[in-house]
N, C-alpha and C. Protein backbone atom coordinates (compact mmCIF):
# COMPACT_ATOMS: atom_id res chain seq x y z
N MET A 1 29.97 12.51 -47.77
CA MET A 1 29.51 12.17 -46.44
C MET A 1 30.22 10.90 -46.00
N THR A 2 30.77 10.95 -44.81
CA THR A 2 31.48 9.79 -44.29
C THR A 2 30.50 8.80 -43.67
N ALA A 3 31.01 7.60 -43.38
CA ALA A 3 30.18 6.55 -42.78
C ALA A 3 29.73 6.96 -41.38
N HIS A 4 30.62 7.66 -40.67
CA HIS A 4 30.29 8.10 -39.31
C HIS A 4 29.11 9.07 -39.32
N SER A 5 29.12 10.02 -40.21
CA SER A 5 28.03 11.01 -40.26
C SER A 5 26.74 10.37 -40.78
N ALA A 6 26.84 9.33 -41.61
CA ALA A 6 25.64 8.64 -42.07
C ALA A 6 24.96 7.91 -40.91
N TYR A 7 25.76 7.28 -40.03
CA TYR A 7 25.19 6.62 -38.85
C TYR A 7 24.57 7.64 -37.90
N LEU A 8 25.23 8.77 -37.73
CA LEU A 8 24.72 9.81 -36.85
C LEU A 8 23.40 10.36 -37.38
N LEU A 9 23.31 10.58 -38.69
CA LEU A 9 22.09 11.07 -39.31
C LEU A 9 20.95 10.05 -39.17
N THR A 10 21.26 8.77 -39.35
CA THR A 10 20.25 7.72 -39.21
C THR A 10 19.74 7.65 -37.77
N ALA A 11 20.64 7.75 -36.80
CA ALA A 11 20.24 7.73 -35.39
C ALA A 11 19.39 8.95 -35.05
N LEU A 12 19.74 10.10 -35.57
CA LEU A 12 18.98 11.32 -35.33
C LEU A 12 17.57 11.21 -35.91
N ILE A 13 17.46 10.67 -37.11
CA ILE A 13 16.14 10.49 -37.74
C ILE A 13 15.31 9.49 -36.95
N LEU A 14 15.92 8.42 -36.48
CA LEU A 14 15.20 7.40 -35.71
C LEU A 14 14.69 7.96 -34.38
N VAL A 15 15.52 8.69 -33.67
CA VAL A 15 15.11 9.28 -32.39
C VAL A 15 14.01 10.32 -32.62
N SER A 16 14.15 11.12 -33.66
CA SER A 16 13.11 12.11 -33.98
C SER A 16 11.79 11.45 -34.33
N ALA A 17 11.83 10.33 -35.05
CA ALA A 17 10.60 9.62 -35.41
C ALA A 17 9.92 9.03 -34.17
N ILE A 18 10.69 8.53 -33.23
CA ILE A 18 10.11 7.98 -32.00
C ILE A 18 9.45 9.08 -31.18
N ILE A 19 10.12 10.21 -31.04
CA ILE A 19 9.56 11.33 -30.28
C ILE A 19 8.33 11.88 -30.98
N LEU A 20 8.37 12.01 -32.28
CA LEU A 20 7.23 12.52 -33.03
C LEU A 20 6.05 11.55 -32.98
N SER A 21 6.32 10.25 -32.99
CA SER A 21 5.24 9.27 -32.94
C SER A 21 4.51 9.32 -31.61
N GLU A 22 5.20 9.70 -30.53
CA GLU A 22 4.54 9.83 -29.23
C GLU A 22 3.46 10.90 -29.29
N PHE A 23 3.70 11.99 -30.01
CA PHE A 23 2.72 13.05 -30.13
C PHE A 23 1.65 12.72 -31.16
N LEU A 24 2.01 12.02 -32.23
CA LEU A 24 1.02 11.68 -33.26
C LEU A 24 0.07 10.58 -32.82
N PHE A 25 0.59 9.55 -32.18
CA PHE A 25 -0.23 8.40 -31.80
C PHE A 25 -0.61 8.41 -30.32
N GLY A 26 -0.05 9.31 -29.53
CA GLY A 26 -0.37 9.42 -28.12
C GLY A 26 -0.06 8.16 -27.34
N TRP A 27 1.09 7.55 -27.59
CA TRP A 27 1.41 6.30 -26.89
C TRP A 27 2.10 6.56 -25.57
N VAL A 28 1.79 5.68 -24.62
CA VAL A 28 2.38 5.73 -23.28
C VAL A 28 2.82 4.32 -22.92
N LEU A 29 4.02 4.19 -22.42
CA LEU A 29 4.55 2.88 -22.01
C LEU A 29 4.56 2.82 -20.49
N ILE A 30 3.83 1.82 -19.95
CA ILE A 30 3.81 1.57 -18.51
C ILE A 30 4.63 0.32 -18.27
N ARG A 31 5.67 0.41 -17.44
CA ARG A 31 6.54 -0.74 -17.17
C ARG A 31 5.81 -1.77 -16.33
N GLU A 32 6.42 -2.96 -16.19
CA GLU A 32 5.76 -4.07 -15.49
C GLU A 32 5.61 -3.83 -14.00
N ASP A 33 6.36 -2.91 -13.43
CA ASP A 33 6.24 -2.63 -12.00
C ASP A 33 5.53 -1.30 -11.73
N GLN A 34 4.75 -0.83 -12.71
CA GLN A 34 4.07 0.45 -12.58
C GLN A 34 2.58 0.31 -12.87
N VAL A 35 1.84 1.33 -12.47
CA VAL A 35 0.44 1.51 -12.85
C VAL A 35 0.30 2.97 -13.27
N GLY A 36 -0.53 3.23 -14.25
CA GLY A 36 -0.72 4.59 -14.75
C GLY A 36 -2.06 5.15 -14.33
N HIS A 37 -2.05 6.34 -13.74
CA HIS A 37 -3.27 7.04 -13.35
C HIS A 37 -3.53 8.11 -14.41
N VAL A 38 -4.71 8.09 -15.01
CA VAL A 38 -5.05 9.02 -16.08
C VAL A 38 -5.71 10.27 -15.48
N VAL A 39 -5.19 11.44 -15.85
CA VAL A 39 -5.78 12.71 -15.45
C VAL A 39 -6.16 13.43 -16.74
N LYS A 40 -7.44 13.53 -17.00
CA LYS A 40 -7.92 14.15 -18.24
C LYS A 40 -7.91 15.67 -18.08
N LYS A 41 -7.28 16.36 -19.05
CA LYS A 41 -7.15 17.81 -18.97
C LYS A 41 -8.35 18.52 -19.61
N LEU A 42 -8.83 17.98 -20.73
CA LEU A 42 -9.88 18.64 -21.49
C LEU A 42 -11.13 17.78 -21.54
N SER A 43 -12.28 18.42 -21.38
CA SER A 43 -13.56 17.71 -21.49
C SER A 43 -14.66 18.73 -21.71
N THR A 44 -15.74 18.30 -22.32
CA THR A 44 -16.88 19.19 -22.52
C THR A 44 -17.76 19.26 -21.28
N THR A 45 -17.63 18.28 -20.39
CA THR A 45 -18.44 18.27 -19.17
C THR A 45 -17.56 18.47 -17.94
N GLN A 46 -18.12 19.10 -16.94
CA GLN A 46 -17.41 19.35 -15.69
C GLN A 46 -17.69 18.22 -14.70
N LEU A 47 -16.81 18.05 -13.77
CA LEU A 47 -16.97 17.07 -12.70
C LEU A 47 -18.08 17.57 -11.77
N PRO A 48 -19.08 16.71 -11.45
CA PRO A 48 -20.16 17.15 -10.55
C PRO A 48 -19.62 17.58 -9.18
N GLN A 49 -20.36 18.46 -8.54
CA GLN A 49 -19.97 18.99 -7.23
C GLN A 49 -19.83 17.86 -6.21
N GLY A 50 -18.72 17.84 -5.48
CA GLY A 50 -18.50 16.85 -4.44
C GLY A 50 -17.87 15.56 -4.90
N ARG A 51 -17.67 15.38 -6.19
CA ARG A 51 -17.04 14.16 -6.70
C ARG A 51 -15.57 14.41 -6.96
N ILE A 52 -14.73 13.44 -6.62
CA ILE A 52 -13.29 13.58 -6.79
C ILE A 52 -12.81 12.85 -8.04
N VAL A 53 -13.45 11.74 -8.39
CA VAL A 53 -13.02 10.89 -9.50
C VAL A 53 -14.06 10.96 -10.61
N ALA A 54 -13.58 11.13 -11.85
CA ALA A 54 -14.47 11.19 -13.01
C ALA A 54 -14.86 9.79 -13.46
N LEU A 55 -16.16 9.54 -13.51
CA LEU A 55 -16.65 8.23 -13.93
C LEU A 55 -17.13 8.22 -15.37
N ASN A 56 -17.53 9.39 -15.90
CA ASN A 56 -18.12 9.46 -17.23
C ASN A 56 -17.32 10.31 -18.20
N GLY A 57 -16.01 10.33 -18.06
CA GLY A 57 -15.16 11.05 -19.01
C GLY A 57 -15.02 12.53 -18.74
N GLU A 58 -15.42 13.00 -17.56
CA GLU A 58 -15.24 14.41 -17.23
C GLU A 58 -13.75 14.70 -17.04
N ALA A 59 -13.42 15.99 -17.00
CA ALA A 59 -12.04 16.38 -16.75
C ALA A 59 -11.68 16.06 -15.31
N GLY A 60 -10.44 15.63 -15.09
CA GLY A 60 -9.97 15.31 -13.75
C GLY A 60 -9.43 13.89 -13.68
N TYR A 61 -9.24 13.40 -12.46
CA TYR A 61 -8.74 12.03 -12.27
C TYR A 61 -9.78 11.04 -12.76
N GLN A 62 -9.37 10.12 -13.63
CA GLN A 62 -10.27 9.13 -14.20
C GLN A 62 -10.32 7.89 -13.32
N ALA A 63 -11.45 7.20 -13.36
CA ALA A 63 -11.61 5.98 -12.56
C ALA A 63 -10.74 4.85 -13.11
N ARG A 64 -10.49 4.84 -14.40
CA ARG A 64 -9.69 3.75 -14.98
C ARG A 64 -8.20 4.01 -14.76
N THR A 65 -7.48 2.94 -14.57
CA THR A 65 -6.03 3.01 -14.48
C THR A 65 -5.44 2.24 -15.65
N LEU A 66 -4.19 2.47 -15.93
CA LEU A 66 -3.52 1.79 -17.03
C LEU A 66 -2.64 0.68 -16.49
N PRO A 67 -2.88 -0.57 -16.92
CA PRO A 67 -2.01 -1.67 -16.50
C PRO A 67 -0.70 -1.62 -17.29
N PRO A 68 0.27 -2.44 -16.93
CA PRO A 68 1.52 -2.47 -17.68
C PRO A 68 1.30 -2.76 -19.16
N GLY A 69 2.05 -2.09 -20.00
CA GLY A 69 1.95 -2.31 -21.44
C GLY A 69 2.03 -1.00 -22.20
N LEU A 70 1.76 -1.09 -23.50
CA LEU A 70 1.80 0.07 -24.39
C LEU A 70 0.37 0.50 -24.67
N HIS A 71 0.05 1.76 -24.43
CA HIS A 71 -1.29 2.29 -24.59
C HIS A 71 -1.26 3.43 -25.59
N PHE A 72 -2.27 3.47 -26.47
CA PHE A 72 -2.33 4.48 -27.53
C PHE A 72 -3.47 5.45 -27.29
N TRP A 73 -3.44 6.56 -28.03
CA TRP A 73 -4.47 7.59 -28.10
C TRP A 73 -4.60 8.36 -26.78
N LEU A 74 -3.51 8.52 -26.07
CA LEU A 74 -3.47 9.31 -24.84
C LEU A 74 -2.54 10.51 -25.10
N TRP A 75 -3.04 11.47 -25.87
CA TRP A 75 -2.21 12.60 -26.30
C TRP A 75 -1.87 13.51 -25.13
N PRO A 76 -0.65 14.07 -25.12
CA PRO A 76 -0.20 14.90 -24.00
C PRO A 76 -1.04 16.16 -23.80
N TRP A 77 -1.68 16.69 -24.82
CA TRP A 77 -2.49 17.89 -24.65
C TRP A 77 -3.89 17.56 -24.11
N MET A 78 -4.29 16.27 -24.16
CA MET A 78 -5.62 15.89 -23.67
C MET A 78 -5.58 15.31 -22.25
N CYS A 79 -4.50 14.60 -21.92
CA CYS A 79 -4.44 13.98 -20.59
C CYS A 79 -3.00 13.86 -20.11
N ARG A 80 -2.89 13.71 -18.81
CA ARG A 80 -1.60 13.50 -18.17
C ARG A 80 -1.62 12.11 -17.56
N ILE A 81 -0.53 11.38 -17.66
CA ILE A 81 -0.43 10.05 -17.08
C ILE A 81 0.56 10.12 -15.92
N ASP A 82 0.08 9.82 -14.72
CA ASP A 82 0.95 9.74 -13.55
C ASP A 82 1.35 8.28 -13.38
N LYS A 83 2.63 7.99 -13.56
CA LYS A 83 3.13 6.61 -13.41
C LYS A 83 3.58 6.42 -11.96
N ARG A 84 3.04 5.38 -11.33
CA ARG A 84 3.37 5.08 -9.94
C ARG A 84 3.92 3.67 -9.83
N SER A 85 4.92 3.49 -8.99
CA SER A 85 5.47 2.15 -8.77
C SER A 85 4.51 1.37 -7.89
N VAL A 86 4.42 0.08 -8.16
CA VAL A 86 3.58 -0.81 -7.36
C VAL A 86 4.39 -1.23 -6.14
N VAL A 87 3.81 -1.04 -4.97
CA VAL A 87 4.48 -1.37 -3.71
C VAL A 87 3.61 -2.36 -2.95
N ALA A 88 4.24 -3.38 -2.38
CA ALA A 88 3.52 -4.37 -1.59
C ALA A 88 3.01 -3.72 -0.30
N LYS A 89 2.06 -4.36 0.34
CA LYS A 89 1.44 -3.81 1.53
C LYS A 89 2.43 -3.57 2.67
N ASP A 90 3.49 -4.36 2.72
CA ASP A 90 4.48 -4.18 3.78
C ASP A 90 5.44 -3.03 3.49
N GLY A 91 5.29 -2.36 2.34
CA GLY A 91 6.12 -1.22 2.00
C GLY A 91 7.31 -1.54 1.13
N ASN A 92 7.62 -2.82 0.96
CA ASN A 92 8.74 -3.20 0.11
C ASN A 92 8.30 -3.21 -1.35
N ALA A 93 9.20 -2.88 -2.23
CA ALA A 93 8.88 -2.90 -3.66
C ALA A 93 8.61 -4.33 -4.11
N LEU A 94 7.70 -4.48 -5.04
CA LEU A 94 7.34 -5.79 -5.57
C LEU A 94 8.42 -6.25 -6.54
N PRO A 95 8.93 -7.48 -6.42
CA PRO A 95 9.92 -7.98 -7.38
C PRO A 95 9.34 -7.99 -8.78
N SER A 96 10.19 -7.81 -9.79
CA SER A 96 9.70 -7.69 -11.17
C SER A 96 9.06 -8.97 -11.68
N HIS A 97 9.38 -10.13 -11.13
CA HIS A 97 8.80 -11.38 -11.61
C HIS A 97 7.48 -11.71 -10.92
N ARG A 98 7.01 -10.89 -9.97
CA ARG A 98 5.79 -11.14 -9.23
C ARG A 98 4.68 -10.23 -9.72
N ILE A 99 3.46 -10.74 -9.70
CA ILE A 99 2.29 -9.92 -10.03
C ILE A 99 1.60 -9.49 -8.74
N LEU A 100 1.48 -10.42 -7.78
CA LEU A 100 0.87 -10.13 -6.50
C LEU A 100 1.90 -10.31 -5.39
N ALA A 101 1.70 -9.61 -4.30
CA ALA A 101 2.60 -9.74 -3.16
C ALA A 101 2.39 -11.11 -2.51
N PRO A 102 3.43 -11.72 -1.97
CA PRO A 102 3.26 -13.01 -1.29
C PRO A 102 2.44 -12.86 -0.02
N LEU A 103 1.74 -13.92 0.36
CA LEU A 103 0.96 -13.91 1.59
C LEU A 103 1.89 -13.94 2.78
N PRO A 104 1.51 -13.28 3.88
CA PRO A 104 2.31 -13.39 5.09
C PRO A 104 2.33 -14.84 5.58
N ALA A 105 3.34 -15.20 6.35
CA ALA A 105 3.52 -16.59 6.78
C ALA A 105 2.36 -17.11 7.61
N LYS A 106 1.70 -16.26 8.40
CA LYS A 106 0.62 -16.71 9.28
C LYS A 106 -0.71 -16.86 8.56
N LYS A 107 -0.90 -16.26 7.41
CA LYS A 107 -2.17 -16.29 6.71
C LYS A 107 -2.33 -17.60 5.97
N LYS A 108 -3.56 -18.12 5.95
CA LYS A 108 -3.88 -19.34 5.21
C LYS A 108 -4.96 -19.00 4.20
N LEU A 109 -4.91 -19.65 3.06
CA LEU A 109 -5.93 -19.44 2.04
C LEU A 109 -7.21 -20.18 2.42
N MET A 110 -8.34 -19.57 2.15
CA MET A 110 -9.62 -20.23 2.38
C MET A 110 -9.98 -21.07 1.16
N LYS A 111 -10.55 -22.24 1.40
CA LYS A 111 -11.01 -23.05 0.29
C LYS A 111 -12.44 -22.66 -0.05
N CYS A 112 -12.70 -22.50 -1.31
CA CYS A 112 -14.05 -22.12 -1.75
C CYS A 112 -14.88 -23.34 -2.10
């Protein structure tokens, strides 16, 4: 076995381990400019009539969202994660170094 094929085999094993770990540990990575919406696929209870958002773990759109970071135990067969970009109120994308959108020039902060 040549050195080139040894590197290729190591890279293949590493990529396979990362992909397999996603299914074993159910990890989801949300970037710093995203928010994750959880949609639960399987549940023992149904969503009550007239409700759109699940508050008690029913199947459907969950009330909790995922902040930026690495989240575990969200297996692909149990739930779907919709990743959405965070957009400021004026419609422009939020810069990566900002957490909140800047205040408009005319607005003043109230003192508490």
